[in-house]
Amino acid sequence: MSRKIRRKKKIVGTSERPRLVVYRSNKYMHAQLVDDSQNKVLMGMFDKSKIAAEAVKEGKNKTERSKILGKIFAEQAKKLKVTKIVFDRNGYHYHGRVKAFADGAREGGLDF
């Protein structure tokens, strides 16, 4: 809990660089683009969303699925003309599925 409180003080998304927040549950991975200056969610996606469901099924394990989801998320963000972001790992360690998602987003064209 205290990790999340410290993080909230430092990581802020703007209109130019929205915040990419990731959430991982035991089964799924969720991601959102947030503009904190307007208190708005620009876009959200998770494993079972219509856009990503078919492609994500091709992954053999949860880490591979997260990387695929990151690539798809980046493609959708580029449609909104967002290329630069601030990555918010939401208190999770930068390892495993969170790192795979970030790597996929970078491969998809997001800069952070």
PDB file of N, CA and C in Angstrom:
ATOM      1  N   MET A   1       0.815  -1.195   0.000  1.00  0.00           N
ATOM      2  CA  MET A   1       0.000   0.000   0.000  1.00  0.00           C
ATOM      3  C   MET A   1       0.861   1.261   0.000  1.00  0.00           C
ATOM      4  N   SER A   2       1.914   1.292   0.816  1.00  0.00           N
ATOM      5  CA  SER A   2       2.732   2.494   0.890  1.00  0.00           C
ATOM      6  C   SER A   2       3.479   2.734  -0.414  1.00  0.00           C
ATOM      7  N   ARG A   3       3.791   1.667  -1.157  1.00  0.00           N
ATOM      8  CA  ARG A   3       4.446   1.827  -2.456  1.00  0.00           C
ATOM      9  C   ARG A   3       3.543   2.598  -3.404  1.00  0.00           C
ATOM     10  N   LYS A   4       2.254   2.287  -3.384  1.00  0.00           N
ATOM     11  CA  LYS A   4       1.305   2.964  -4.271  1.00  0.00           C
ATOM     12  C   LYS A   4       1.150   4.433  -3.889  1.00  0.00           C
ATOM     13  N   ILE A   5       1.184   4.744  -2.620  1.00  0.00           N
ATOM     14  CA  ILE A   5       1.055   6.131  -2.172  1.00  0.00           C
ATOM     15  C   ILE A   5       2.258   6.942  -2.623  1.00  0.00           C
ATOM     16  N   ARG A   6       3.461   6.399  -2.481  1.00  0.00           N
ATOM     17  CA  ARG A   6       4.668   7.098  -2.930  1.00  0.00           C
ATOM     18  C   ARG A   6       4.637   7.302  -4.438  1.00  0.00           C
ATOM     19  N   ARG A   7       4.167   6.304  -5.155  1.00  0.00           N
ATOM     20  CA  ARG A   7       4.101   6.374  -6.613  1.00  0.00           C
ATOM     21  C   ARG A   7       3.149   7.466  -7.058  1.00  0.00           C
ATOM     22  N   LYS A   8       2.005   7.580  -6.405  1.00  0.00           N
ATOM     23  CA  LYS A   8       0.995   8.572  -6.789  1.00  0.00           C
ATOM     24  C   LYS A   8       1.534   9.996  -6.710  1.00  0.00           C
ATOM     25  N   LYS A   9       2.459  10.248  -5.797  1.00  0.00           N
ATOM     26  CA  LYS A   9       3.028  11.584  -5.654  1.00  0.00           C
ATOM     27  C   LYS A   9       3.922  11.950  -6.827  1.00  0.00           C
ATOM     28  N   LYS A  10       4.586  10.960  -7.428  1.00  0.00           N
ATOM     29  CA  LYS A  10       5.618  11.233  -8.415  1.00  0.00           C
ATOM     30  C   LYS A  10       5.148  11.105  -9.857  1.00  0.00           C
ATOM     31  N   ILE A  11       4.279  10.158 -10.145  1.00  0.00           N
ATOM     32  CA  ILE A  11       3.911   9.862 -11.525  1.00  0.00           C
ATOM     33  C   ILE A  11       2.583  10.525 -11.853  1.00  0.00           C
ATOM     34  N   VAL A  12       2.640  11.484 -12.784  1.00  0.00           N
ATOM     35  CA  VAL A  12       1.442  12.223 -13.173  1.00  0.00           C
ATOM     36  C   VAL A  12       1.397  12.279 -14.692  1.00  0.00           C
ATOM     37  N   GLY A  13       0.227  11.977 -15.245  1.00  0.00           N
ATOM     38  CA  GLY A  13       0.046  12.050 -16.686  1.00  0.00           C
ATOM     39  C   GLY A  13      -0.526  13.389 -17.097  1.00  0.00           C
ATOM     40  N   THR A  14      -0.112  13.875 -18.255  1.00  0.00           N
ATOM     41  CA  THR A  14      -0.615  15.138 -18.793  1.00  0.00           C
ATOM     42  C   THR A  14      -1.249  14.867 -20.149  1.00  0.00           C
ATOM     43  N   SER A  15      -1.737  15.916 -20.776  1.00  0.00           N
ATOM     44  CA  SER A  15      -2.322  15.757 -22.111  1.00  0.00           C
ATOM     45  C   SER A  15      -1.259  15.364 -23.129  1.00  0.00           C
ATOM     46  N   GLU A  16      -0.032  15.882 -22.969  1.00  0.00           N
ATOM     47  CA  GLU A  16       1.046  15.559 -23.894  1.00  0.00           C
ATOM     48  C   GLU A  16       1.600  14.162 -23.633  1.00  0.00           C
ATOM     49  N   ARG A  17       1.709  13.795 -22.355  1.00  0.00           N
ATOM     50  CA  ARG A  17       2.234  12.481 -21.956  1.00  0.00           C
ATOM     51  C   ARG A  17       1.282  11.838 -20.959  1.00  0.00           C
ATOM     52  N   PRO A  18       0.263  11.125 -21.447  1.00  0.00           N
ATOM     53  CA  PRO A  18      -0.656  10.475 -20.515  1.00  0.00           C
ATOM     54  C   PRO A  18       0.020   9.329 -19.753  1.00  0.00           C
ATOM     55  N   ARG A  19      -0.579   8.962 -18.667  1.00  0.00           N
ATOM     56  CA  ARG A  19      -0.052   7.910 -17.807  1.00  0.00           C
ATOM     57  C   ARG A  19      -0.618   6.565 -18.256  1.00  0.00           C
ATOM     58  N   LEU A  20       0.246   5.592 -18.494  1.00  0.00           N
ATOM     59  CA  LEU A  20      -0.170   4.237 -18.835  1.00  0.00           C
ATOM     60  C   LEU A  20      -0.135   3.407 -17.563  1.00  0.00           C
ATOM     61  N   VAL A  21      -1.305   3.045 -17.058  1.00  0.00           N
ATOM     62  CA  VAL A  21      -1.430   2.303 -15.812  1.00  0.00           C
ATOM     63  C   VAL A  21      -1.698   0.843 -16.137  1.00  0.00           C
ATOM     64  N   VAL A  22      -0.953  -0.062 -15.517  1.00  0.00           N
ATOM     65  CA  VAL A  22      -1.196  -1.488 -15.710  1.00  0.00           C
ATOM     66  C   VAL A  22      -1.727  -2.094 -14.416  1.00  0.00           C
ATOM     67  N   TYR A  23      -2.577  -3.076 -14.580  1.00  0.00           N
ATOM     68  CA  TYR A  23      -3.095  -3.848 -13.447  1.00  0.00           C
ATOM     69  C   TYR A  23      -3.046  -5.305 -13.854  1.00  0.00           C
ATOM     70  N   ARG A  24      -2.540  -6.136 -12.996  1.00  0.00           N
ATOM     71  CA  ARG A  24      -2.529  -7.558 -13.315  1.00  0.00           C
ATOM     72  C   ARG A  24      -3.255  -8.322 -12.215  1.00  0.00           C
ATOM     73  N   SER A  25      -4.139  -9.186 -12.649  1.00  0.00           N
ATOM     74  CA  SER A  25      -4.783 -10.095 -11.718  1.00  0.00           C
ATOM     75  C   SER A  25      -4.138 -11.463 -11.928  1.00  0.00           C
ATOM     76  N   ASN A  26      -4.642 -12.468 -11.273  1.00  0.00           N
ATOM     77  CA  ASN A  26      -4.069 -13.798 -11.453  1.00  0.00           C
ATOM     78  C   ASN A  26      -4.253 -14.320 -12.871  1.00  0.00           C
ATOM     79  N   LYS A  27      -5.334 -13.906 -13.536  1.00  0.00           N
ATOM     80  CA  LYS A  27      -5.628 -14.401 -14.879  1.00  0.00           C
ATOM     81  C   LYS A  27      -5.363 -13.392 -15.974  1.00  0.00           C
ATOM     82  N   TYR A  28      -5.686 -12.135 -15.747  1.00  0.00           N
ATOM     83  CA  TYR A  28      -5.733 -11.151 -16.817  1.00  0.00           C
ATOM     84  C   TYR A  28      -4.789  -9.983 -16.586  1.00  0.00           C
ATOM     85  N   MET A  29      -4.645  -9.189 -17.628  1.00  0.00           N
ATOM     86  CA  MET A  29      -3.846  -7.969 -17.587  1.00  0.00           C
ATOM     87  C   MET A  29      -4.721  -6.835 -18.095  1.00  0.00           C
ATOM     88  N   HIS A  30      -4.761  -5.725 -17.378  1.00  0.00           N
ATOM     89  CA  HIS A  30      -5.544  -4.556 -17.755  1.00  0.00           C
ATOM     90  C   HIS A  30      -4.593  -3.385 -17.948  1.00  0.00           C
ATOM     91  N   ALA A  31      -4.954  -2.461 -18.843  1.00  0.00           N
ATOM     92  CA  ALA A  31      -4.150  -1.258 -19.056  1.00  0.00           C
ATOM     93  C   ALA A  31      -5.066  -0.089 -19.400  1.00  0.00           C
ATOM     94  N   GLN A  32      -4.678   1.100 -18.943  1.00  0.00           N
ATOM     95  CA  GLN A  32      -5.446   2.314 -19.221  1.00  0.00           C
ATOM     96  C   GLN A  32      -4.499   3.470 -19.497  1.00  0.00           C
ATOM     97  N   LEU A  33      -4.913   4.359 -20.384  1.00  0.00           N
ATOM     98  CA  LEU A  33      -4.234   5.631 -20.587  1.00  0.00           C
ATOM     99  C   LEU A  33      -5.025   6.698 -19.848  1.00  0.00           C
ATOM    100  N   VAL A  34      -4.371   7.412 -18.942  1.00  0.00           N
ATOM    101  CA  VAL A  34      -5.052   8.379 -18.089  1.00  0.00           C
ATOM    102  C   VAL A  34      -4.415   9.752 -18.245  1.00  0.00           C
ATOM    103  N   ASP A  35      -5.267  10.759 -18.429  1.00  0.00           N
ATOM    104  CA  ASP A  35      -4.833  12.154 -18.428  1.00  0.00           C
ATOM    105  C   ASP A  35      -5.228  12.727 -17.070  1.00  0.00           C
ATOM    106  N   ASP A  36      -4.251  12.864 -16.178  1.00  0.00           N
ATOM    107  CA  ASP A  36      -4.532  13.316 -14.814  1.00  0.00           C
ATOM    108  C   ASP A  36      -4.897  14.788 -14.749  1.00  0.00           C
ATOM    109  N   SER A  37      -4.444  15.595 -15.703  1.00  0.00           N
ATOM    110  CA  SER A  37      -4.764  17.014 -15.658  1.00  0.00           C
ATOM    111  C   SER A  37      -6.259  17.253 -15.887  1.00  0.00           C
ATOM    112  N   GLN A  38      -6.908  16.390 -16.670  1.00  0.00           N
ATOM    113  CA  GLN A  38      -8.350  16.501 -16.925  1.00  0.00           C
ATOM    114  C   GLN A  38      -9.155  15.433 -16.194  1.00  0.00           C
ATOM    115  N   ASN A  39      -8.471  14.568 -15.425  1.00  0.00           N
ATOM    116  CA  ASN A  39      -9.114  13.449 -14.733  1.00  0.00           C
ATOM    117  C   ASN A  39      -9.935  12.601 -15.704  1.00  0.00           C
ATOM    118  N   LYS A  40      -9.310  12.194 -16.796  1.00  0.00           N
ATOM    119  CA  LYS A  40      -9.984  11.472 -17.860  1.00  0.00           C
ATOM    120  C   LYS A  40      -9.235  10.205 -18.225  1.00  0.00           C
ATOM    121  N   VAL A  41      -9.979   9.128 -18.477  1.00  0.00           N
ATOM    122  CA  VAL A  41      -9.396   7.911 -19.025  1.00  0.00           C
ATOM    123  C   VAL A  41      -9.545   7.994 -20.544  1.00  0.00           C
ATOM    124  N   LEU A  42      -8.425   8.015 -21.238  1.00  0.00           N
ATOM    125  CA  LEU A  42      -8.450   8.154 -22.688  1.00  0.00           C
ATOM    126  C   LEU A  42      -8.765   6.836 -23.382  1.00  0.00           C
ATOM    127  N   MET A  43      -8.255   5.738 -22.809  1.00  0.00           N
ATOM    128  CA  MET A  43      -8.436   4.441 -23.428  1.00  0.00           C
ATOM    129  C   MET A  43      -8.169   3.356 -22.397  1.00  0.00           C
ATOM    130  N   GLY A  44      -8.865   2.256 -22.527  1.00  0.00           N
ATOM    131  CA  GLY A  44      -8.636   1.126 -21.664  1.00  0.00           C
ATOM    132  C   GLY A  44      -8.724  -0.174 -22.446  1.00  0.00           C
ATOM    133  N   MET A  45      -8.006  -1.195 -21.971  1.00  0.00           N
ATOM    134  CA  MET A  45      -8.006  -2.469 -22.677  1.00  0.00           C
ATOM    135  C   MET A  45      -7.609  -3.576 -21.704  1.00  0.00           C
ATOM    136  N   PHE A  46      -8.131  -4.777 -21.927  1.00  0.00           N
ATOM    137  CA  PHE A  46      -7.656  -5.938 -21.189  1.00  0.00           C
ATOM    138  C   PHE A  46      -7.741  -7.164 -22.072  1.00  0.00           C
ATOM    139  N   ASP A  47      -7.271  -8.284 -21.569  1.00  0.00           N
ATOM    140  CA  ASP A  47      -7.123  -9.503 -22.374  1.00  0.00           C
ATOM    141  C   ASP A  47      -8.387  -9.907 -23.112  1.00  0.00           C
ATOM    142  N   LYS A  48      -9.516  -9.713 -22.511  1.00  0.00           N
ATOM    143  CA  LYS A  48     -10.779 -10.192 -23.087  1.00  0.00           C
ATOM    144  C   LYS A  48     -11.527  -9.130 -23.882  1.00  0.00           C
ATOM    145  N   SER A  49     -10.938  -7.954 -24.093  1.00  0.00           N
ATOM    146  CA  SER A  49     -11.618  -6.924 -24.870  1.00  0.00           C
ATOM    147  C   SER A  49     -11.736  -7.364 -26.329  1.00  0.00           C
ATOM    148  N   LYS A  50     -12.716  -6.805 -27.029  1.00  0.00           N
ATOM    149  CA  LYS A  50     -13.016  -7.231 -28.400  1.00  0.00           C
ATOM    150  C   LYS A  50     -11.813  -7.098 -29.320  1.00  0.00           C
ATOM    151  N   ILE A  51     -11.055  -6.037 -29.138  1.00  0.00           N
ATOM    152  CA  ILE A  51      -9.928  -5.766 -30.027  1.00  0.00           C
ATOM    153  C   ILE A  51      -8.809  -6.781 -29.832  1.00  0.00           C
ATOM    154  N   ALA A  52      -8.561  -7.186 -28.605  1.00  0.00           N
ATOM    155  CA  ALA A  52      -7.376  -7.976 -28.296  1.00  0.00           C
ATOM    156  C   ALA A  52      -7.614  -9.468 -28.119  1.00  0.00           C
ATOM    157  N   ALA A  53      -8.831  -9.898 -27.921  1.00  0.00           N
ATOM    158  CA  ALA A  53      -9.099 -11.276 -27.503  1.00  0.00           C
ATOM    159  C   ALA A  53      -8.521 -12.324 -28.444  1.00  0.00           C
ATOM    160  N   GLU A  54      -8.718 -12.165 -29.743  1.00  0.00           N
ATOM    161  CA  GLU A  54      -8.264 -13.177 -30.692  1.00  0.00           C
ATOM    162  C   GLU A  54      -6.739 -13.262 -30.741  1.00  0.00           C
ATOM    163  N   ALA A  55      -6.079 -12.126 -30.788  1.00  0.00           N
ATOM    164  CA  ALA A  55      -4.618 -12.122 -30.884  1.00  0.00           C
ATOM    165  C   ALA A  55      -3.965 -12.638 -29.608  1.00  0.00           C
ATOM    166  N   VAL A  56      -4.556 -12.304 -28.477  1.00  0.00           N
ATOM    167  CA  VAL A  56      -3.975 -12.695 -27.194  1.00  0.00           C
ATOM    168  C   VAL A  56      -4.059 -14.205 -26.989  1.00  0.00           C
ATOM    169  N   LYS A  57      -5.048 -14.844 -27.571  1.00  0.00           N
ATOM    170  CA  LYS A  57      -5.191 -16.297 -27.431  1.00  0.00           C
ATOM    171  C   LYS A  57      -4.002 -17.056 -28.000  1.00  0.00           C
ATOM    172  N   GLU A  58      -3.270 -16.429 -28.922  1.00  0.00           N
ATOM    173  CA  GLU A  58      -2.126 -17.094 -29.545  1.00  0.00           C
ATOM    174  C   GLU A  58      -0.951 -17.270 -28.587  1.00  0.00           C
ATOM    175  N   GLY A  59      -0.904 -16.494 -27.522  1.00  0.00           N
ATOM    176  CA  GLY A  59       0.188 -16.602 -26.559  1.00  0.00           C
ATOM    177  C   GLY A  59       0.120 -17.911 -25.795  1.00  0.00           C
ATOM    178  N   LYS A  60       1.281 -18.504 -25.546  1.00  0.00           N
ATOM    179  CA  LYS A  60       1.331 -19.810 -24.874  1.00  0.00           C
ATOM    180  C   LYS A  60       1.168 -19.695 -23.369  1.00  0.00           C
ATOM    181  N   ASN A  61       1.628 -18.571 -22.807  1.00  0.00           N
ATOM    182  CA  ASN A  61       1.483 -18.369 -21.369  1.00  0.00           C
ATOM    183  C   ASN A  61       1.104 -16.920 -21.096  1.00  0.00           C
ATOM    184  N   LYS A  62       0.923 -16.586 -19.829  1.00  0.00           N
ATOM    185  CA  LYS A  62       0.446 -15.247 -19.475  1.00  0.00           C
ATOM    186  C   LYS A  62       1.451 -14.158 -19.837  1.00  0.00           C
ATOM    187  N   THR A  63       2.732 -14.458 -19.778  1.00  0.00           N
ATOM    188  CA  THR A  63       3.747 -13.466 -20.115  1.00  0.00           C
ATOM    189  C   THR A  63       3.703 -13.138 -21.601  1.00  0.00           C
ATOM    190  N   GLU A  64       3.586 -14.141 -22.437  1.00  0.00           N
ATOM    191  CA  GLU A  64       3.487 -13.904 -23.879  1.00  0.00           C
ATOM    192  C   GLU A  64       2.210 -13.146 -24.222  1.00  0.00           C
ATOM    193  N   ARG A  65       1.119 -13.482 -23.546  1.00  0.00           N
ATOM    194  CA  ARG A  65      -0.143 -12.778 -23.773  1.00  0.00           C
ATOM    195  C   ARG A  65      -0.024 -11.314 -23.398  1.00  0.00           C
ATOM    196  N   SER A  66       0.710 -11.034 -22.336  1.00  0.00           N
ATOM    197  CA  SER A  66       0.903  -9.647 -21.911  1.00  0.00           C
ATOM    198  C   SER A  66       1.684  -8.862 -22.948  1.00  0.00           C
ATOM    199  N   LYS A  67       2.688  -9.485 -23.544  1.00  0.00           N
ATOM    200  CA  LYS A  67       3.486  -8.803 -24.565  1.00  0.00           C
ATOM    201  C   LYS A  67       2.640  -8.500 -25.792  1.00  0.00           C
ATOM    202  N   ILE A  68       1.815  -9.451 -26.209  1.00  0.00           N
ATOM    203  CA  ILE A  68       0.925  -9.244 -27.344  1.00  0.00           C
ATOM    204  C   ILE A  68      -0.060  -8.117 -27.042  1.00  0.00           C
ATOM    205  N   LEU A  69      -0.602  -8.122 -25.825  1.00  0.00           N
ATOM    206  CA  LEU A  69      -1.529  -7.070 -25.411  1.00  0.00           C
ATOM    207  C   LEU A  69      -0.852  -5.708 -25.441  1.00  0.00           C
ATOM    208  N   GLY A  70       0.415  -5.641 -25.042  1.00  0.00           N
ATOM    209  CA  GLY A  70       1.158  -4.386 -25.089  1.00  0.00           C
ATOM    210  C   GLY A  70       1.292  -3.850 -26.503  1.00  0.00           C
ATOM    211  N   LYS A  71       1.547  -4.737 -27.460  1.00  0.00           N
ATOM    212  CA  LYS A  71       1.668  -4.311 -28.861  1.00  0.00           C
ATOM    213  C   LYS A  71       0.333  -3.774 -29.374  1.00  0.00           C
ATOM    214  N   ILE A  72      -0.746  -4.479 -29.077  1.00  0.00           N
ATOM    215  CA  ILE A  72      -2.075  -4.049 -29.528  1.00  0.00           C
ATOM    216  C   ILE A  72      -2.459  -2.734 -28.868  1.00  0.00           C
ATOM    217  N   PHE A  73      -2.127  -2.599 -27.589  1.00  0.00           N
ATOM    218  CA  PHE A  73      -2.420  -1.363 -26.867  1.00  0.00           C
ATOM    219  C   PHE A  73      -1.697  -0.187 -27.509  1.00  0.00           C
ATOM    220  N   ALA A  74      -0.442  -0.399 -27.892  1.00  0.00           N
ATOM    221  CA  ALA A  74       0.340   0.674 -28.523  1.00  0.00           C
ATOM    222  C   ALA A  74      -0.267   1.080 -29.863  1.00  0.00           C
ATOM    223  N   GLU A  75      -0.730   0.105 -30.627  1.00  0.00           N
ATOM    224  CA  GLU A  75      -1.362   0.411 -31.911  1.00  0.00           C
ATOM    225  C   GLU A  75      -2.610   1.263 -31.722  1.00  0.00           C
ATOM    226  N   GLN A  76      -3.416   0.920 -30.728  1.00  0.00           N
ATOM    227  CA  GLN A  76      -4.633   1.686 -30.464  1.00  0.00           C
ATOM    228  C   GLN A  76      -4.301   3.082 -29.941  1.00  0.00           C
ATOM    229  N   ALA A  77      -3.248   3.196 -29.136  1.00  0.00           N
ATOM    230  CA  ALA A  77      -2.843   4.508 -28.610  1.00  0.00           C
ATOM    231  C   ALA A  77      -2.355   5.400 -29.745  1.00  0.00           C
ATOM    232  N   LYS A  78      -1.667   4.823 -30.727  1.00  0.00           N
ATOM    233  CA  LYS A  78      -1.190   5.608 -31.860  1.00  0.00           C
ATOM    234  C   LYS A  78      -2.354   6.136 -32.689  1.00  0.00           C
ATOM    235  N   LYS A  79      -3.471   5.413 -32.700  1.00  0.00           N
ATOM    236  CA  LYS A  79      -4.662   5.909 -33.396  1.00  0.00           C
ATOM    237  C   LYS A  79      -5.212   7.154 -32.708  1.00  0.00           C
ATOM    238  N   LEU A  80      -4.997   7.258 -31.394  1.00  0.00           N
ATOM    239  CA  LEU A  80      -5.399   8.450 -30.636  1.00  0.00           C
ATOM    240  C   LEU A  80      -4.315   9.533 -30.689  1.00  0.00           C
ATOM    241  N   LYS A  81      -3.274   9.302 -31.482  1.00  0.00           N
ATOM    242  CA  LYS A  81      -2.144  10.224 -31.646  1.00  0.00           C
ATOM    243  C   LYS A  81      -1.355  10.388 -30.350  1.00  0.00           C
ATOM    244  N   VAL A  82      -1.228   9.294 -29.604  1.00  0.00           N
ATOM    245  CA  VAL A  82      -0.425   9.279 -28.390  1.00  0.00           C
ATOM    246  C   VAL A  82       0.800   8.414 -28.672  1.00  0.00           C
ATOM    247  N   THR A  83       1.973   9.005 -28.575  1.00  0.00           N
ATOM    248  CA  THR A  83       3.204   8.233 -28.770  1.00  0.00           C
ATOM    249  C   THR A  83       4.112   8.294 -27.552  1.00  0.00           C
ATOM    250  N   LYS A  84       4.014   9.364 -26.764  1.00  0.00           N
ATOM    251  CA  LYS A  84       4.830   9.494 -25.558  1.00  0.00           C
ATOM    252  C   LYS A  84       3.946   9.325 -24.343  1.00  0.00           C
ATOM    253  N   ILE A  85       4.395   8.472 -23.426  1.00  0.00           N
ATOM    254  CA  ILE A  85       3.607   8.196 -22.228  1.00  0.00           C
ATOM    255  C   ILE A  85       4.510   8.181 -21.000  1.00  0.00           C
ATOM    256  N   VAL A  86       3.871   8.142 -19.837  1.00  0.00           N
ATOM    257  CA  VAL A  86       4.533   7.913 -18.566  1.00  0.00           C
ATOM    258  C   VAL A  86       4.051   6.551 -18.093  1.00  0.00           C
ATOM    259  N   PHE A  87       4.963   5.632 -17.833  1.00  0.00           N
ATOM    260  CA  PHE A  87       4.590   4.264 -17.457  1.00  0.00           C
ATOM    261  C   PHE A  87       4.382   4.175 -15.954  1.00  0.00           C
ATOM    262  N   ASP A  88       3.221   3.710 -15.562  1.00  0.00           N
ATOM    263  CA  ASP A  88       2.868   3.534 -14.154  1.00  0.00           C
ATOM    264  C   ASP A  88       2.657   2.048 -13.911  1.00  0.00           C
ATOM    265  N   ARG A  89       3.599   1.432 -13.220  1.00  0.00           N
ATOM    266  CA  ARG A  89       3.500  -0.016 -12.996  1.00  0.00           C
ATOM    267  C   ARG A  89       2.569  -0.371 -11.844  1.00  0.00           C
ATOM    268  N   ASN A  90       1.969   0.642 -11.231  1.00  0.00           N
ATOM    269  CA  ASN A  90       0.918   0.462 -10.226  1.00  0.00           C
ATOM    270  C   ASN A  90       1.398  -0.305  -8.995  1.00  0.00           C
ATOM    271  N   GLY A  91       2.637  -0.113  -8.614  1.00  0.00           N
ATOM    272  CA  GLY A  91       3.157  -0.756  -7.413  1.00  0.00           C
ATOM    273  C   GLY A  91       3.707  -2.143  -7.646  1.00  0.00           C
ATOM    274  N   TYR A  92       3.546  -2.694  -8.828  1.00  0.00           N
ATOM    275  CA  TYR A  92       4.091  -4.016  -9.129  1.00  0.00           C
ATOM    276  C   TYR A  92       5.576  -3.885  -9.457  1.00  0.00           C
ATOM    277  N   HIS A  93       6.317  -4.937  -9.198  1.00  0.00           N
ATOM    278  CA  HIS A  93       7.721  -4.947  -9.574  1.00  0.00           C
ATOM    279  C   HIS A  93       7.827  -4.999 -11.093  1.00  0.00           C
ATOM    280  N   TYR A  94       8.842  -4.354 -11.627  1.00  0.00           N
ATOM    281  CA  TYR A  94       9.052  -4.342 -13.076  1.00  0.00           C
ATOM    282  C   TYR A  94       9.699  -5.666 -13.469  1.00  0.00           C
ATOM    283  N   HIS A  95       8.848  -6.693 -13.569  1.00  0.00           N
ATOM    284  CA  HIS A  95       9.327  -8.042 -13.802  1.00  0.00           C
ATOM    285  C   HIS A  95       8.175  -8.864 -14.346  1.00  0.00           C
ATOM    286  N   GLY A  96       8.451  -9.876 -15.112  1.00  0.00           N
ATOM    287  CA  GLY A  96       7.415 -10.801 -15.567  1.00  0.00           C
ATOM    288  C   GLY A  96       6.428 -10.166 -16.521  1.00  0.00           C
ATOM    289  N   ARG A  97       5.147 -10.263 -16.173  1.00  0.00           N
ATOM    290  CA  ARG A  97       4.090  -9.779 -17.060  1.00  0.00           C
ATOM    291  C   ARG A  97       4.092  -8.269 -17.233  1.00  0.00           C
ATOM    292  N   VAL A  98       4.442  -7.539 -16.191  1.00  0.00           N
ATOM    293  CA  VAL A  98       4.486  -6.077 -16.283  1.00  0.00           C
ATOM    294  C   VAL A  98       5.598  -5.664 -17.245  1.00  0.00           C
ATOM    295  N   LYS A  99       6.762  -6.290 -17.139  1.00  0.00           N
ATOM    296  CA  LYS A  99       7.876  -5.996 -18.043  1.00  0.00           C
ATOM    297  C   LYS A  99       7.538  -6.424 -19.466  1.00  0.00           C
ATOM    298  N   ALA A 100       6.895  -7.570 -19.637  1.00  0.00           N
ATOM    299  CA  ALA A 100       6.515  -8.042 -20.967  1.00  0.00           C
ATOM    300  C   ALA A 100       5.531  -7.075 -21.623  1.00  0.00           C
ATOM    301  N   PHE A 101       4.573  -6.576 -20.859  1.00  0.00           N
ATOM    302  CA  PHE A 101       3.627  -5.600 -21.400  1.00  0.00           C
ATOM    303  C   PHE A 101       4.358  -4.338 -21.850  1.00  0.00           C
ATOM    304  N   ALA A 102       5.272  -3.849 -21.016  1.00  0.00           N
ATOM    305  CA  ALA A 102       6.030  -2.638 -21.351  1.00  0.00           C
ATOM    306  C   ALA A 102       6.882  -2.858 -22.601  1.00  0.00           C
ATOM    307  N   ASP A 103       7.517  -4.019 -22.706  1.00  0.00           N
ATOM    308  CA  ASP A 103       8.321  -4.324 -23.893  1.00  0.00           C
ATOM    309  C   ASP A 103       7.453  -4.376 -25.146  1.00  0.00           C
ATOM    310  N   GLY A 104       6.277  -4.971 -25.039  1.00  0.00           N
ATOM    311  CA  GLY A 104       5.358  -5.015 -26.169  1.00  0.00           C
ATOM    312  C   GLY A 104       4.893  -3.633 -26.574  1.00  0.00           C
ATOM    313  N   ALA A 105       4.637  -2.782 -25.592  1.00  0.00           N
ATOM    314  CA  ALA A 105       4.205  -1.411 -25.891  1.00  0.00           C
ATOM    315  C   ALA A 105       5.327  -0.630 -26.576  1.00  0.00           C
ATOM    316  N   ARG A 106       6.556  -0.858 -26.138  1.00  0.00           N
ATOM    317  CA  ARG A 106       7.690  -0.190 -26.791  1.00  0.00           C
ATOM    318  C   ARG A 106       7.844  -0.673 -28.229  1.00  0.00           C
ATOM    319  N   GLU A 107       7.700  -1.983 -28.440  1.00  0.00           N
ATOM    320  CA  GLU A 107       7.789  -2.522 -29.797  1.00  0.00           C
ATOM    321  C   GLU A 107       6.670  -1.985 -30.684  1.00  0.00           C
ATOM    322  N   GLY A 108       5.519  -1.715 -30.082  1.00  0.00           N
ATOM    323  CA  GLY A 108       4.396  -1.176 -30.816  1.00  0.00           C
ATOM    324  C   GLY A 108       4.545   0.297 -31.168  1.00  0.00           C
ATOM    325  N   GLY A 109       5.531   0.976 -30.567  1.00  0.00           N
ATOM    326  CA  GLY A 109       5.790   2.355 -30.948  1.00  0.00           C
ATOM    327  C   GLY A 109       5.600   3.390 -29.858  1.00  0.00           C
ATOM    328  N   LEU A 110       5.315   2.979 -28.632  1.00  0.00           N
ATOM    329  CA  LEU A 110       5.190   3.961 -27.545  1.00  0.00           C
ATOM    330  C   LEU A 110       6.560   4.293 -26.983  1.00  0.00           C
ATOM    331  N   ASP A 111       6.732   5.542 -26.607  1.00  0.00           N
ATOM    332  CA  ASP A 111       7.998   6.030 -26.088  1.00  0.00           C
ATOM    333  C   ASP A 111       7.830   6.385 -24.624  1.00  0.00           C
ATOM    334  N   PHE A 112       8.590   5.695 -23.750  1.00  0.00           N
ATOM    335  CA  PHE A 112       8.604   6.034 -22.324  1.00  0.00           C
ATOM    336  C   PHE A 112       9.907   5.650 -21.684  1.00  0.00           C
TER     337      PHE A 112
END
